Protein backbone atom coordinates (compact mmCIF):
# COMPACT_ATOMS: atom_id res chain seq x y z
CA UNK A 1 31.08 0.15 19.16
CA UNK A 2 29.08 -1.81 16.66
CA UNK A 3 26.73 -4.58 17.62
CA UNK A 4 25.85 -7.12 14.97
CA UNK A 5 22.78 -6.62 12.81
CA UNK A 6 21.48 -9.96 14.05
CA UNK A 7 21.89 -8.91 17.67
CA UNK A 8 20.12 -5.60 16.98
CA UNK A 9 17.21 -7.46 15.30
CA UNK A 10 16.96 -9.92 18.18
CA UNK A 11 16.83 -7.13 20.77
CA UNK A 12 14.25 -5.16 18.74
CA UNK A 13 11.99 -8.22 18.56
CA UNK A 14 12.15 -9.17 22.24
CA UNK A 15 9.05 -8.29 24.22
CA UNK A 16 9.44 -5.97 27.17
CA UNK A 17 7.02 -8.16 29.12
CA UNK A 18 9.37 -11.14 28.79
CA UNK A 19 12.30 -9.19 30.29
CA UNK A 20 10.42 -7.16 32.89
CA UNK A 21 10.04 -10.05 35.40
CA UNK A 22 13.82 -10.54 35.26
CA UNK A 23 14.34 -6.86 36.06
CA UNK A 24 11.96 -7.16 39.03
CA UNK A 25 13.62 -10.34 40.30
CA UNK A 26 17.09 -8.86 39.95
CA UNK A 27 16.35 -5.72 41.96
CA UNK A 28 14.18 -7.44 44.59
CA UNK A 29 16.84 -10.13 45.16
CA UNK A 30 19.20 -7.30 46.09
CA UNK A 31 16.74 -5.65 48.49
CA UNK A 32 15.42 -2.96 46.15
CA UNK A 33 11.74 -2.44 45.37
CA UNK A 34 9.52 -2.65 42.34
CA UNK A 35 8.61 0.99 43.01
CA UNK A 36 12.27 1.99 42.69
CA UNK A 37 12.50 0.02 39.45
CA UNK A 38 9.42 1.83 38.12
CA UNK A 39 10.93 5.17 39.14
CA UNK A 40 14.06 4.38 37.11
CA UNK A 41 11.99 3.22 34.11
CA UNK A 42 9.82 6.35 34.37
CA UNK A 43 12.92 8.58 34.43
CA UNK A 44 14.34 6.94 31.29
CA UNK A 45 11.13 6.55 29.27
CA UNK A 46 8.57 8.97 30.67
CA UNK A 47 6.08 6.10 31.19
CA UNK A 48 3.85 6.40 34.24
CA UNK A 49 2.70 3.30 36.13
CA UNK A 50 -0.53 2.91 34.13
CA UNK A 51 1.23 3.20 30.77
CA UNK A 52 3.97 0.81 31.82
CA UNK A 53 1.43 -1.84 32.88
CA UNK A 54 -0.49 -1.35 29.63
CA UNK A 55 2.69 -1.91 27.58
CA UNK A 56 3.41 -5.08 29.56
CA UNK A 57 -0.16 -6.31 28.98
CA UNK A 58 0.13 -5.53 25.26
CA UNK A 59 3.37 -7.55 25.10
CA UNK A 60 5.06 -4.86 23.02
CA UNK A 61 8.51 -5.42 21.59
CA UNK A 62 11.43 -3.31 22.72
CA UNK A 63 11.18 -1.60 19.35
CA UNK A 64 7.61 -0.48 20.09
CA UNK A 65 8.40 0.20 23.76
CA UNK A 66 11.14 2.69 22.92
CA UNK A 67 9.28 4.11 19.90
CA UNK A 68 6.53 5.17 22.31
CA UNK A 69 8.97 6.41 24.97
CA UNK A 70 10.15 9.95 25.39
CA UNK A 71 13.77 9.23 26.25
CA UNK A 72 15.08 11.42 29.03
CA UNK A 73 17.31 14.18 27.63
CA UNK A 74 19.99 13.18 30.14
CA UNK A 75 20.05 9.53 29.03
CA UNK A 76 23.32 10.23 27.22
CA UNK A 77 24.90 10.62 30.67
CA UNK A 78 24.50 6.86 31.21
CA UNK A 79 27.94 5.38 30.65
CA UNK A 80 29.85 2.23 31.47
CA UNK A 81 29.97 -1.42 30.55
CA UNK A 82 26.90 -3.60 30.07
CA UNK A 83 26.84 -7.05 28.49
CA UNK A 84 30.43 -6.58 27.33
CA UNK A 85 29.75 -3.30 25.54
CA UNK A 86 30.49 0.26 26.52
CA UNK A 87 26.93 1.62 26.44
CA UNK A 88 27.89 5.09 25.23
CA UNK A 89 29.63 3.57 22.18
CA UNK A 90 26.72 1.46 20.93
CA UNK A 91 25.80 2.77 17.47
CA UNK A 92 22.27 1.39 17.03
CA UNK A 93 19.89 3.81 18.83
CA UNK A 94 17.39 1.12 19.87
CA UNK A 95 20.05 -1.26 21.16
CA UNK A 96 21.66 1.65 23.03
CA UNK A 97 18.29 2.54 24.63
CA UNK A 98 17.73 -1.05 25.75
CA UNK A 99 21.25 -1.15 27.19
CA UNK A 100 20.62 2.17 28.97
CA UNK A 101 17.72 0.47 30.72
CA UNK A 102 19.84 -2.61 31.50
CA UNK A 103 22.55 -0.37 32.96
CA UNK A 104 20.09 1.50 35.17
CA UNK A 105 18.63 -1.78 36.44
CA UNK A 106 22.16 -3.04 37.19
CA UNK A 107 22.99 0.13 39.11
CA UNK A 108 19.77 -0.18 41.12
CA UNK A 109 20.51 -3.83 41.93
CA UNK A 110 24.06 -2.95 42.98
CA UNK A 111 22.72 -0.56 45.60
CA UNK A 112 23.43 2.77 43.95
CA UNK A 113 21.14 5.47 45.35
CA UNK A 114 18.20 6.28 43.07
CA UNK A 115 19.14 9.98 43.18
CA UNK A 116 22.48 9.11 41.54
CA UNK A 117 20.91 6.73 39.01
CA UNK A 118 18.61 9.51 37.80
CA UNK A 119 21.30 11.54 36.13
CA UNK A 120 21.00 15.26 36.13
CA UNK A 121 23.15 17.45 33.90
C-alpha cells in the first residue's frame, strides 16, 4: 500500500520526543507501564534506556531515530491495521518502521502480553 509522498515527508520530519509522551500516556491510561513501553521500543530498535533518553533530549526526527536504530530482524512479523493502513503493505521503509512502533504501542495498550508483542520467528 502506498502512502502519499507528503505523508511520508511529514512522518520523517516529526520528532520522536513530540510523540513519545503520547505513547506513554496511551499505555499508562490502559494500566501498562513505561518500563513495558521501553521494552517494546528496545525490542524494535535496539535502543537501551540511556540511548532512548538521549534521543528524546536531542529531539531527533523519526528519520534520524530509525536511521540510528538496528531494526529487529523479526519486525517483518508485525502485521495488521494501523491508522487505516495494513502495516505490512506500507512501501516506504521509514513510514513502515514508524507504523511498526505505533502498532506495538497499540498492542501494549490493548493488553496484549509483552511476550506476544515481542515476535519471535
